[in-house]
Amino acid sequence: MASDIEIARAAKMKPIQEIGKRLNIPEDSLLPYGRTKAKISAEYIANLNGRKNGKLILVTAINPTPAGEGKTTTTVGLGDGLNKIGKNAMICLREPSLGPCFGMKGGAAGGGYAQVVPMEDINLHFTGDFHAITSAHNLLAALIENHIYWGNELGIDIRRVVWRRVMDMNDRALRTVVCSLGGIANGFPREAGFDITVASEIMAILCLATDLDDLQKRLGDIIVAYRRDRTAITARELEADGAMTVLLKEAMQPNLVQTLENNPAFIHGGPFANIAHGCNSVVATQTALKLADYVVTEAGFGADLGAEKFFDIKCRKAGLTPDAVVIVATIKALKMNGGVAKEDLGTENVQAVKKGCANLGRHIENIKQFGVPAVIAINHFTADTDAEVQAVKDYCAEYRVDAILATHWANGSAGTEELATRVAELAESGGAQFAPLYDDSLSLFEKIESVAKRIYRADEVLADKSVRDQLKRWEADGFGHLPVCMAKTQYSFTTDPQLRGAPTGHSLPVREVRLSAGAGFIVVICGEIMTMPGLPRVPSANHIKLDDNGQIEGLF
């Protein structure tokens, strides 16, 4: 079979105006970026408010393993499958970050015959949204340094500047830096650092804002530093919010592309779920719900991270009510959760599948806590055996949840008809009784405990007095109503990435907490997780190049 990039390159893409026409978007409301991608105008989006919402379907997964799960591929395949069975459906995805594209993943536009295209554009610079976010973020950093240099009228304590810089690339050397070296003309030396762009509060703000006015208000609310008396200084006080909004004006508008089967897709925003809130933009999702009867979206990594944040942050903030959830699992990943080494995954091992299903069962239990009906998608690999697939189906039957084999990677929408039919039934059943995991009125530490104990199954949360005192100060300052955004390894329910399956009897160590006042949540950094990833020993960048015909190789 052809590789992902070969399949994408052979795609028969339609002009983006035709994709817009399917959604009844007039041509003058499309802002084309070439022939096959476009942004939707803010004016058009504003005029959709009176329309009825379609059904919202979330695709999540078990904890990721090196064997792969295929959440994005399944999202695309399900969207295509819903259209194939006669439903008016579209998908909403996040934009890929250059960090993982050149690091471990090599791309994030689906795979096989379940992809969004143009794949190379989507995985690389796309429409420039991430560059705009990076520029807006670093403009604010530059304005902070400039304010201090020219007299520091606001009284910024340079020991308490909390606004770091960002770039959309994995670079561990930039996690901690010293800036303003070189003499008086360069300012006052201090310790600083970089995060990856997808961890920027501005990324979160863009993905949670509802329009440009809301965007500018949130940008102004960003806390950048503190005075010696520990009172906060905001971006608005630096008069930075207007210029930042200008840089983000086009980035705020959703990007329209298509699947291999020419079905519409929004790809907009891209916060990671292990260090940020892991969902595409509220604007894209809300717009899609006005344009289609079924909207399929995804949340990053496993359900313990992406789905929890989708429910507790995105749905809470945007007033969204999901109708159904798809939990993606693969036989290989379940075997790895059952203790099988990666090199032995091709051999049938029903017992390991049964053992690894404990991870899937934990996610099923967690989704049920939010009151949304679920179905399991078994993302098919050619080495899967009938006995292994049946073991998963039998296990899920014990939870009274259907497990459906999906072959979209090889067969496109033809491989998801059964899944799409069941998802549509669930969404239309009215069985969803959605509620977030915890109430706004709980203390910040109680919210952390709720996620740790109910989702991760931790026995306790370990946090120094300095962390607890910081949470109490924020509560006193009026931020106690905010939800928490857990930054934790994606590979395990614990903070140990090697501990797979469904572990119990563990503790959750909280290393640091950060206030994202503009985004509207508290970031809780747990264990050894880093907000600036590093590259692996052999990064994907080593294999990405142009061939003799000038075409890109190595993206997948």
Protein backbone atom coordinates (compact mmCIF):
# COMPACT_ATOMS: atom_id res chain seq x y z
CA MET A 1 0.00 0.00 0.00
CA ALA A 2 1.17 3.56 -0.70
CA SER A 3 2.55 5.67 2.15
CA ASP A 4 0.48 8.41 3.80
CA ILE A 5 2.28 11.15 1.91
CA GLU A 6 1.91 9.31 -1.43
CA ILE A 7 -1.83 8.91 -0.81
CA ALA A 8 -2.15 12.59 0.12
CA ARG A 9 -0.16 13.67 -2.94
CA ALA A 10 -2.49 11.67 -5.21
CA ALA A 11 -5.63 13.26 -3.71
CA LYS A 12 -8.16 14.76 -6.09
CA MET A 13 -8.77 17.96 -4.16
CA LYS A 14 -11.63 20.28 -5.05
CA PRO A 15 -11.29 24.07 -5.09
CA ILE A 16 -11.98 25.37 -1.61
CA GLN A 17 -14.91 27.40 -2.94
CA GLU A 18 -16.68 24.10 -3.74
CA ILE A 19 -16.12 22.84 -0.20
CA GLY A 20 -17.51 26.11 1.13
CA LYS A 21 -20.51 25.82 -1.17
CA ARG A 22 -21.39 22.45 0.41
CA LEU A 23 -21.71 24.32 3.71
CA ASN A 24 -23.63 27.16 2.03
CA ILE A 25 -20.78 29.57 2.71
CA PRO A 26 -20.81 32.28 0.00
CA GLU A 27 -17.55 32.83 -1.87
CA ASP A 28 -17.17 36.38 -0.60
CA SER A 29 -17.10 35.01 2.97
CA LEU A 30 -14.09 32.81 2.15
CA LEU A 31 -10.60 34.26 2.42
CA PRO A 32 -8.57 31.91 0.16
CA TYR A 33 -5.01 30.86 0.96
CA GLY A 34 -4.27 29.40 -2.44
CA ARG A 35 -6.59 26.95 -4.19
CA THR A 36 -7.32 24.41 -1.43
CA LYS A 37 -7.53 26.24 1.88
CA ALA A 38 -9.33 29.32 3.16
CA LYS A 39 -10.34 31.18 6.27
CA ILE A 40 -13.97 32.00 7.13
CA SER A 41 -14.70 35.69 7.61
CA ALA A 42 -15.59 36.95 11.08
CA GLU A 43 -18.60 38.81 9.65
CA TYR A 44 -20.07 35.60 8.24
CA ILE A 45 -19.53 33.74 11.53
CA ALA A 46 -21.24 36.51 13.50
CA ASN A 47 -24.38 36.13 11.34
CA LEU A 48 -24.76 32.42 12.21
CA ASN A 49 -25.83 33.00 15.82
CA GLY A 50 -29.54 32.34 15.25
CA ARG A 51 -29.05 28.88 13.75
CA LYS A 52 -29.69 25.61 15.58
CA ASN A 53 -26.66 23.59 16.72
CA GLY A 54 -25.86 20.16 15.31
CA LYS A 55 -24.74 17.15 17.38
CA LEU A 56 -21.26 17.29 18.94
CA ILE A 57 -19.15 14.13 18.97
CA LEU A 58 -15.79 13.88 20.75
CA VAL A 59 -13.08 11.44 19.66
CA THR A 60 -10.61 10.53 22.41
CA ALA A 61 -8.40 7.53 23.11
CA ILE A 62 -6.60 5.28 25.55
CA ASN A 63 -3.19 6.45 26.77
CA PRO A 64 -0.79 6.75 23.81
CA THR A 65 1.99 4.22 23.28
CA PRO A 66 4.78 3.90 20.69
CA ALA A 67 2.47 1.41 18.94
CA GLY A 68 0.10 4.20 17.95
CA GLU A 69 -3.63 4.76 18.43
CA GLY A 70 -4.73 6.86 15.42
CA LYS A 71 -7.10 9.34 17.05
CA THR A 72 -6.86 11.93 14.27
CA THR A 73 -7.15 9.22 11.62
CA THR A 74 -10.29 7.91 13.32
CA THR A 75 -11.75 11.43 13.58
CA VAL A 76 -11.31 11.91 9.85
CA GLY A 77 -12.57 8.42 9.05
CA LEU A 78 -15.66 8.90 11.23
CA GLY A 79 -16.45 12.25 9.61
CA ASP A 80 -16.19 10.66 6.18
CA GLY A 81 -18.26 7.68 7.38
CA LEU A 82 -21.08 9.91 8.64
CA ASN A 83 -21.21 11.64 5.26
CA LYS A 84 -21.20 8.27 3.51
CA ILE A 85 -24.30 7.11 5.40
CA GLY A 86 -26.10 10.30 4.37
CA LYS A 87 -25.43 12.62 7.29
CA ASN A 88 -24.37 16.25 6.92
CA ALA A 89 -21.14 16.09 8.92
CA MET A 90 -17.86 17.93 9.25
CA ILE A 91 -14.79 17.57 11.42
CA CYS A 92 -12.85 19.98 13.64
CA LEU A 93 -9.18 19.30 14.31
CA ARG A 94 -6.22 21.08 15.84
CA GLU A 95 -3.39 22.44 13.74
CA PRO A 96 -0.15 20.43 13.97
CA SER A 97 2.86 21.97 15.71
CA LEU A 98 6.24 22.05 14.02
CA GLY A 99 7.73 20.68 17.25
CA PRO A 100 6.38 17.11 16.92
CA CYS A 101 6.44 17.27 13.10
CA PHE A 102 10.22 17.57 13.23
CA GLY A 103 10.50 15.67 16.51
CA MET A 104 8.71 12.34 16.98
CA LYS A 105 5.41 12.30 15.07
CA GLY A 106 6.42 13.61 11.67
CA GLY A 107 2.92 14.99 11.01
CA ALA A 108 -0.65 15.05 12.33
CA ALA A 109 -3.11 15.11 9.45
CA GLY A 110 -4.46 11.57 9.75
CA GLY A 111 -3.22 8.57 7.81
CA GLY A 112 -3.90 6.14 5.00
CA TYR A 113 -7.24 6.90 3.34
CA ALA A 114 -8.45 8.96 6.29
CA GLN A 115 -6.52 12.20 5.94
CA VAL A 116 -7.07 15.92 5.68
CA VAL A 117 -5.40 17.67 2.77
CA PRO A 118 -3.29 19.50 1.62
CA MET A 119 -1.25 17.40 4.06
CA GLU A 120 2.14 19.09 3.58
CA ASP A 121 0.68 22.58 4.03
CA ILE A 122 -1.29 21.59 7.12
CA ASN A 123 1.76 20.01 8.77
CA LEU A 124 4.10 22.90 8.00
CA HIS A 125 3.30 26.65 7.89
CA PHE A 126 -0.40 26.23 6.91
CA THR A 127 -2.04 29.68 7.10
CA GLY A 128 0.51 31.14 9.53
CA ASP A 129 -1.65 30.98 12.68
CA PHE A 130 1.13 29.57 14.87
CA HIS A 131 3.58 32.19 13.63
CA ALA A 132 1.08 34.93 14.50
CA ILE A 133 0.63 33.49 17.99
CA THR A 134 4.41 33.26 18.45
CA SER A 135 4.84 36.86 17.32
CA ALA A 136 2.07 38.19 19.58
CA HIS A 137 3.47 36.30 22.55
CA ASN A 138 7.03 37.53 22.01
CA LEU A 139 5.85 41.09 21.32
CA LEU A 140 4.47 41.10 24.86
CA ALA A 141 7.80 39.77 26.18
CA ALA A 142 9.65 42.55 24.34
CA LEU A 143 7.28 45.21 25.72
CA ILE A 144 7.91 44.00 29.28
CA GLU A 145 11.68 44.33 28.85
CA ASN A 146 11.26 47.69 27.15
CA HIS A 147 9.08 49.02 29.96
CA ILE A 148 11.66 48.02 32.56
CA TYR A 149 14.46 49.57 30.50
CA TRP A 150 12.74 52.95 30.16
CA GLY A 151 12.19 53.54 33.85
CA ASN A 152 9.76 50.83 34.99
CA GLU A 153 6.87 53.17 35.78
CA LEU A 154 4.63 50.25 36.75
CA GLY A 155 7.13 49.02 39.33
CA ILE A 156 7.73 45.56 37.87
CA ASP A 157 9.82 43.40 40.19
CA ILE A 158 12.25 41.84 37.72
CA ARG A 159 12.49 38.79 39.99
CA ARG A 160 8.77 38.24 39.46
CA VAL A 161 8.36 38.49 35.69
CA VAL A 162 6.26 35.40 34.87
CA TRP A 163 5.86 35.88 31.11
CA ARG A 164 8.25 33.57 29.26
CA ARG A 165 9.01 33.50 25.54
CA VAL A 166 7.87 30.87 23.03
CA MET A 167 8.84 29.24 19.75
CA ASP A 168 7.14 26.48 17.75
CA MET A 169 10.01 24.02 17.91
CA ASN A 170 11.34 21.52 20.44
CA ASP A 171 14.55 22.94 21.94
CA ARG A 172 15.52 21.83 25.44
CA ALA A 173 18.45 24.28 25.53
CA LEU A 174 15.97 27.17 25.77
CA ARG A 175 13.99 25.91 28.78
CA THR A 176 15.99 28.19 31.08
CA VAL A 177 18.05 31.14 29.77
CA VAL A 178 19.54 34.39 31.02
CA CYS A 179 18.50 37.41 28.98
CA SER A 180 19.69 41.02 28.64
CA LEU A 181 23.40 40.21 28.90
CA GLY A 182 25.95 42.45 27.23
CA GLY A 183 25.89 45.69 29.17
CA ILE A 184 23.67 48.62 30.11
CA ALA A 185 22.29 49.15 26.59
CA ASN A 186 20.70 45.69 26.64
CA GLY A 187 18.69 46.08 29.84
CA PHE A 188 18.76 44.34 33.20
CA PRO A 189 20.02 40.72 33.22
CA ARG A 190 17.59 38.18 34.63
CA GLU A 191 16.66 34.52 34.35
CA ALA A 192 14.01 33.72 31.73
CA GLY A 193 13.01 30.83 29.50
CA PHE A 194 11.06 29.51 26.52
CA ASP A 195 7.99 27.30 26.18
CA ILE A 196 6.75 25.75 22.95
CA THR A 197 4.12 27.89 21.18
CA VAL A 198 1.36 25.35 21.80
CA ALA A 199 1.84 25.93 25.55
CA SER A 200 1.48 29.71 25.19
CA GLU A 201 -1.39 31.30 27.07
CA ILE A 202 -2.10 33.19 23.85
CA MET A 203 -2.69 29.87 22.08
CA ALA A 204 -5.20 28.97 24.80
CA ILE A 205 -6.81 32.41 24.59
CA LEU A 206 -7.20 32.22 20.81
CA CYS A 207 -8.79 28.78 21.19
CA LEU A 208 -11.23 29.90 23.90
CA ALA A 209 -12.14 33.42 22.70
CA THR A 210 -15.48 33.84 20.92
CA ASP A 211 -14.68 36.93 18.82
CA LEU A 212 -12.12 39.73 18.44
CA ASP A 213 -13.56 41.78 21.32
CA ASP A 214 -13.37 38.77 23.64
CA LEU A 215 -9.87 38.05 22.32
CA GLN A 216 -8.62 41.55 23.17
CA LYS A 217 -10.20 41.47 26.62
CA ARG A 218 -8.55 38.13 27.40
CA LEU A 219 -5.19 39.33 26.07
CA GLY A 220 -5.45 42.39 28.32
CA ASP A 221 -6.15 40.17 31.34
CA ILE A 222 -2.85 38.27 30.97
CA ILE A 223 -0.73 38.66 34.10
CA VAL A 224 2.86 39.26 33.03
CA ALA A 225 4.60 40.15 36.29
CA TYR A 226 4.19 41.23 39.90
CA ARG A 227 5.33 44.22 41.92
CA ARG A 228 7.31 43.92 45.15
CA ASP A 229 4.03 44.01 47.07
CA ARG A 230 2.90 41.06 44.88
CA THR A 231 0.13 42.96 43.14
CA ALA A 232 -0.31 41.81 39.54
CA ILE A 233 0.61 43.69 36.37
CA THR A 234 -1.37 42.90 33.24
CA ALA A 235 -0.76 43.19 29.50
CA ARG A 236 -3.46 45.87 29.45
CA GLU A 237 -1.41 48.04 31.82
CA LEU A 238 1.49 47.72 29.37
CA GLU A 239 -0.91 48.80 26.58
CA ALA A 240 0.01 45.64 24.68
CA ASP A 241 -3.46 44.16 24.09
CA GLY A 242 -4.30 46.28 21.01
CA ALA A 243 -1.16 45.44 19.04
CA MET A 244 -1.40 41.77 20.00
CA THR A 245 -4.99 41.65 18.74
CA VAL A 246 -3.87 43.18 15.43
CA LEU A 247 -1.29 40.42 15.01
CA LEU A 248 -3.95 37.79 15.72
CA LYS A 249 -6.78 39.25 13.60
CA GLU A 250 -6.53 36.70 10.77
CA ALA A 251 -5.35 33.88 13.03
CA MET A 252 -8.69 34.13 14.88
CA GLN A 253 -10.60 32.97 11.79
CA PRO A 254 -11.08 29.18 11.31
CA ASN A 255 -9.26 27.40 8.47
CA LEU A 256 -11.38 25.40 6.02
CA VAL A 257 -9.83 22.41 4.21
CA GLN A 258 -11.11 19.00 3.06
CA THR A 259 -10.66 15.30 3.62
CA LEU A 260 -9.46 12.89 0.93
CA GLU A 261 -13.15 12.28 0.23
CA ASN A 262 -13.75 16.03 -0.21
CA ASN A 263 -15.72 16.46 3.00
CA PRO A 264 -15.31 19.77 4.88
CA ALA A 265 -12.94 20.15 7.82
CA PHE A 266 -12.01 23.02 10.10
CA ILE A 267 -8.44 22.94 11.37
CA HIS A 268 -7.83 25.72 13.87
CA GLY A 269 -5.69 26.21 16.97
CA GLY A 270 -3.42 23.62 18.47
CA PRO A 271 -2.72 23.50 22.22
CA PHE A 272 -1.11 20.24 23.37
CA ALA A 273 -3.14 18.24 25.89
CA ASN A 274 -0.22 17.19 28.07
CA ILE A 275 0.91 20.78 28.80
CA ALA A 276 -2.14 22.84 27.73
CA HIS A 277 -5.88 22.26 27.25
CA GLY A 278 -5.65 20.15 24.09
CA CYS A 279 -8.67 21.26 22.03
CA ASN A 280 -9.25 23.08 18.74
CA SER A 281 -10.77 26.56 18.87
CA VAL A 282 -14.20 27.35 20.30
CA VAL A 283 -14.86 29.56 17.25
CA ALA A 284 -14.26 26.65 14.85
CA THR A 285 -16.40 24.23 16.87
CA GLN A 286 -19.28 26.66 17.36
CA THR A 287 -19.22 27.66 13.69
CA ALA A 288 -19.20 24.01 12.58
CA LEU A 289 -22.19 23.27 14.83
CA LYS A 290 -24.15 25.93 12.92
CA LEU A 291 -23.10 24.58 9.51
CA ALA A 292 -23.46 20.81 9.95
CA ASP A 293 -25.82 18.34 11.62
CA TYR A 294 -22.91 16.36 13.09
CA VAL A 295 -19.55 17.76 14.19
CA VAL A 296 -16.72 15.36 15.01
CA THR A 297 -13.87 16.83 17.01
CA GLU A 298 -10.90 15.41 18.88
CA ALA A 299 -9.05 16.16 22.08
CA GLY A 300 -5.34 15.47 22.48
CA PHE A 301 -3.70 12.33 23.88
CA GLY A 302 -5.68 9.97 26.15
CA ALA A 303 -9.06 10.66 27.73
CA ASP A 304 -7.39 11.34 31.10
CA LEU A 305 -5.91 14.52 29.59
CA GLY A 306 -7.63 15.69 26.39
CA ALA A 307 -11.18 14.55 27.12
CA GLU A 308 -11.07 15.75 30.74
CA LYS A 309 -9.97 19.22 29.56
CA PHE A 310 -12.47 19.22 26.71
CA PHE A 311 -15.25 18.66 29.25
CA ASP A 312 -13.96 20.65 32.22
CA ILE A 313 -12.45 23.63 30.37
CA LYS A 314 -13.72 23.96 26.79
CA CYS A 315 -17.31 22.79 27.28
CA ARG A 316 -17.60 24.60 30.61
CA LYS A 317 -16.29 27.89 29.18
CA ALA A 318 -18.12 27.74 25.84
CA GLY A 319 -21.41 26.24 27.01
CA LEU A 320 -21.00 23.20 24.75
CA THR A 321 -22.96 20.00 25.42
CA PRO A 322 -21.41 16.90 23.79
CA ASP A 323 -23.77 14.18 22.59
CA ALA A 324 -21.45 11.17 22.21
CA VAL A 325 -17.85 10.07 22.72
CA VAL A 326 -15.69 7.69 20.68
CA ILE A 327 -12.76 6.11 22.54
CA VAL A 328 -10.07 4.88 20.12
CA ALA A 329 -8.00 1.82 20.93
CA THR A 330 -5.70 -0.43 18.92
CA ILE A 331 -4.86 -4.06 19.54
CA LYS A 332 -1.14 -3.21 19.47
CA ALA A 333 -1.48 -0.47 22.08
CA LEU A 334 -3.58 -2.70 24.32
CA LYS A 335 -0.94 -5.43 24.07
CA MET A 336 1.73 -2.90 24.99
CA ASN A 337 -0.38 -1.87 27.99
CA GLY A 338 -0.50 -5.58 28.78
CA GLY A 339 3.29 -5.77 29.00
CA VAL A 340 4.30 -6.82 25.45
CA ALA A 341 7.50 -5.29 24.06
CA LYS A 342 7.19 -3.23 20.87
CA GLU A 343 9.17 -5.74 18.78
CA ASP A 344 6.75 -8.55 19.77
CA LEU A 345 3.49 -6.76 18.97
CA GLY A 346 3.04 -8.58 15.65
CA THR A 347 2.50 -11.93 17.40
CA GLU A 348 -0.98 -12.91 18.56
CA ASN A 349 -1.32 -12.57 22.34
CA VAL A 350 -4.91 -12.64 23.51
CA GLN A 351 -3.94 -12.70 27.19
CA ALA A 352 -1.91 -9.51 26.82
CA VAL A 353 -4.85 -7.86 25.06
CA LYS A 354 -7.14 -8.81 27.95
CA LYS A 355 -4.61 -7.50 30.48
CA GLY A 356 -4.11 -4.25 28.55
CA CYS A 357 -7.86 -3.70 28.36
CA ALA A 358 -7.64 -2.44 31.95
CA ASN A 359 -6.39 0.87 30.51
CA LEU A 360 -9.38 1.03 28.16
CA GLY A 361 -11.75 0.15 31.01
CA ARG A 362 -10.40 3.00 33.12
CA HIS A 363 -11.12 5.46 30.32
CA ILE A 364 -14.63 4.06 29.84
CA GLU A 365 -15.32 4.56 33.55
CA ASN A 366 -13.95 8.10 33.40
CA ILE A 367 -16.06 9.12 30.41
CA LYS A 368 -19.17 7.80 32.17
CA GLN A 369 -18.46 10.22 35.03
CA PHE A 370 -19.22 13.09 32.63
CA GLY A 371 -22.60 11.64 31.66
CA VAL A 372 -21.91 11.21 27.92
CA PRO A 373 -22.57 7.87 26.14
CA ALA A 374 -19.52 6.23 24.54
CA VAL A 375 -18.59 3.72 21.87
CA ILE A 376 -15.20 2.08 21.32
CA ALA A 377 -13.49 2.28 17.91
CA ILE A 378 -10.96 -0.50 17.41
CA ASN A 379 -8.60 1.10 14.90
CA HIS A 380 -7.59 -1.87 12.74
CA PHE A 381 -4.03 -2.92 11.92
CA THR A 382 -3.30 -5.74 9.47
CA ALA A 383 -1.60 -7.89 12.15
CA ASP A 384 -4.70 -7.90 14.38
CA THR A 385 -6.26 -11.34 14.75
CA ASP A 386 -9.95 -12.18 15.06
CA ALA A 387 -9.39 -13.61 18.54
CA GLU A 388 -7.69 -10.41 19.74
CA VAL A 389 -10.47 -8.23 18.35
CA GLN A 390 -13.11 -10.45 19.93
CA ALA A 391 -11.34 -10.18 23.29
CA VAL A 392 -11.76 -6.40 23.19
CA LYS A 393 -15.41 -6.68 22.18
CA ASP A 394 -16.09 -9.14 25.02
CA TYR A 395 -14.34 -6.88 27.53
CA CYS A 396 -16.33 -3.83 26.45
CA ALA A 397 -19.58 -5.79 26.62
CA GLU A 398 -18.99 -6.10 30.36
CA TYR A 399 -19.21 -2.28 30.51
CA ARG A 400 -22.30 -2.33 28.24
CA VAL A 401 -20.36 -0.40 25.61
CA ASP A 402 -20.13 -1.40 21.95
CA ALA A 403 -16.69 -1.99 20.45
CA ILE A 404 -16.66 -1.66 16.66
CA LEU A 405 -13.83 -2.56 14.31
CA ALA A 406 -12.94 0.35 12.03
CA THR A 407 -10.81 -0.05 8.89
CA HIS A 408 -10.73 3.57 7.72
CA TRP A 409 -6.94 3.69 7.34
CA ALA A 410 -7.15 1.12 4.53
CA ASN A 411 -10.71 1.66 3.30
CA GLY A 412 -11.66 5.27 4.04
CA SER A 413 -15.34 5.87 4.79
CA ALA A 414 -16.25 2.32 3.74
CA GLY A 415 -14.37 1.17 6.83
CA THR A 416 -16.39 3.30 9.27
CA GLU A 417 -19.99 2.85 8.17
CA GLU A 418 -20.86 0.63 11.14
CA LEU A 419 -19.10 2.99 13.55
CA ALA A 420 -20.77 6.05 12.03
CA THR A 421 -24.21 4.44 12.24
CA ARG A 422 -23.75 3.62 15.93
CA VAL A 423 -22.34 7.08 16.73
CA ALA A 424 -25.30 8.75 15.02
CA GLU A 425 -27.70 6.56 17.03
CA LEU A 426 -25.97 7.52 20.28
CA ALA A 427 -25.94 11.21 19.40
CA GLU A 428 -29.64 11.19 18.50
CA SER A 429 -30.69 9.08 21.48
CA GLY A 430 -30.78 11.98 23.91
CA GLY A 431 -28.88 9.84 26.39
CA ALA A 432 -26.23 12.46 27.16
CA GLN A 433 -26.57 14.13 30.55
CA PHE A 434 -23.35 16.09 30.46
CA ALA A 435 -21.88 17.68 33.57
CA PRO A 436 -18.28 18.73 34.33
CA LEU A 437 -16.32 16.71 36.87
CA TYR A 438 -16.25 19.38 39.57
CA ASP A 439 -18.11 22.54 40.53
CA ASP A 440 -16.71 26.04 40.13
CA SER A 441 -17.21 26.67 43.85
CA LEU A 442 -14.61 24.12 44.99
CA SER A 443 -11.24 25.45 46.09
CA LEU A 444 -8.42 25.24 43.54
CA PHE A 445 -6.69 22.48 45.49
CA GLU A 446 -9.96 20.54 45.74
CA LYS A 447 -10.30 20.77 41.95
CA ILE A 448 -6.80 19.36 41.53
CA GLU A 449 -7.71 16.56 43.94
CA SER A 450 -10.91 15.84 42.01
CA VAL A 451 -9.00 15.20 38.78
CA ALA A 452 -6.17 13.34 40.54
CA LYS A 453 -8.41 11.00 42.50
CA ARG A 454 -11.39 10.53 40.17
CA ILE A 455 -9.59 10.47 36.80
CA TYR A 456 -6.01 9.35 37.58
CA ARG A 457 -7.06 7.24 40.62
CA ALA A 458 -4.28 8.76 42.74
CA ASP A 459 -4.48 8.27 46.50
CA GLU A 460 -3.26 11.78 47.25
CA VAL A 461 -1.88 15.02 45.81
CA LEU A 462 1.60 16.02 46.97
CA ALA A 463 2.25 19.77 46.92
CA ASP A 464 4.70 21.95 48.83
CA LYS A 465 3.42 24.66 51.15
CA SER A 466 4.56 27.26 48.58
CA VAL A 467 2.22 25.74 45.96
CA ARG A 468 -0.73 25.58 48.37
CA ASP A 469 -0.09 29.15 49.53
CA GLN A 470 0.04 30.36 45.91
CA LEU A 471 -3.33 28.77 45.21
CA LYS A 472 -4.80 30.47 48.27
CA ARG A 473 -3.40 33.86 47.16
CA TRP A 474 -5.07 33.45 43.77
CA GLU A 475 -8.34 32.58 45.47
CA ALA A 476 -8.05 35.73 47.57
CA ASP A 477 -7.42 37.69 44.36
CA GLY A 478 -10.68 36.42 42.82
CA PHE A 479 -9.43 33.51 40.69
CA GLY A 480 -10.79 30.67 42.82
CA HIS A 481 -13.65 29.97 40.39
CA LEU A 482 -11.29 28.97 37.56
CA PRO A 483 -10.91 25.36 36.36
CA VAL A 484 -7.55 23.58 36.49
CA CYS A 485 -5.48 22.52 33.47
CA MET A 486 -3.30 19.56 34.39
CA ALA A 487 0.16 19.33 32.79
CA LYS A 488 1.18 15.68 33.08
CA THR A 489 2.77 12.91 31.05
CA GLN A 490 0.39 11.52 28.45
CA TYR A 491 1.73 7.98 28.67
CA SER A 492 0.30 6.99 32.03
CA PHE A 493 -2.44 7.74 34.53
CA THR A 494 0.46 8.48 36.89
CA THR A 495 3.38 10.90 36.49
CA ASP A 496 5.66 7.96 35.61
CA PRO A 497 5.56 7.52 31.80
CA GLN A 498 6.70 3.90 32.10
CA LEU A 499 3.76 2.83 34.28
CA ARG A 500 1.13 1.68 31.78
CA GLY A 501 -2.20 -0.07 32.25
CA ALA A 502 -4.51 1.11 35.05
CA PRO A 503 -2.27 1.67 38.09
CA THR A 504 -3.59 2.45 41.58
CA GLY A 505 -1.91 3.30 44.87
CA HIS A 506 0.09 6.22 43.48
CA SER A 507 0.48 9.89 44.40
CA LEU A 508 0.31 12.96 42.16
CA PRO A 509 3.24 15.34 42.80
CA VAL A 510 2.51 18.97 41.86
CA ARG A 511 5.74 20.78 41.03
CA GLU A 512 4.44 24.20 40.07
CA VAL A 513 1.24 26.14 39.37
CA ARG A 514 0.79 28.97 36.86
CA LEU A 515 -2.10 31.40 36.55
CA SER A 516 -3.44 31.89 33.02
CA ALA A 517 -5.82 34.73 33.83
CA GLY A 518 -6.55 35.56 30.19
CA ALA A 519 -7.30 31.98 29.19
CA GLY A 520 -9.22 31.48 32.41
CA PHE A 521 -7.57 28.48 34.07
CA ILE A 522 -4.79 27.43 36.45
CA VAL A 523 -2.00 25.32 34.91
CA VAL A 524 -0.91 22.57 37.32
CA ILE A 525 2.51 21.15 36.41
CA CYS A 526 2.92 17.60 37.68
CA GLY A 527 6.00 15.37 37.89
CA GLU A 528 8.72 15.82 35.29
CA ILE A 529 6.56 17.19 32.46
CA MET A 530 8.20 20.00 30.47
CA THR A 531 6.45 22.93 28.76
CA MET A 532 9.33 23.02 26.25
CA PRO A 533 9.88 19.49 24.87
CA GLY A 534 13.21 18.21 23.63
CA LEU A 535 13.99 16.34 20.43
CA PRO A 536 14.45 12.54 20.51
CA ARG A 537 17.79 10.88 19.78
CA VAL A 538 16.81 10.49 16.12
CA PRO A 539 14.30 13.27 15.30
CA SER A 540 11.93 13.09 12.35
CA ALA A 541 13.73 16.15 10.97
CA ASN A 542 16.64 13.88 10.02
CA HIS A 543 14.43 12.19 7.42
CA ILE A 544 12.41 15.14 6.07
CA LYS A 545 13.74 16.48 2.77
CA LEU A 546 12.93 17.40 -0.82
CA ASP A 547 13.31 14.67 -3.46
CA ASP A 548 14.71 15.16 -6.94
CA ASN A 549 11.30 16.42 -8.12
CA GLY A 550 11.09 19.04 -5.38
CA GLN A 551 8.45 17.11 -3.42
CA ILE A 552 8.56 16.67 0.35
CA GLU A 553 9.62 13.32 1.77
CA GLY A 554 9.52 12.18 5.40
CA LEU A 555 6.24 13.69 6.60
CA PHE A 556 3.79 10.99 7.68
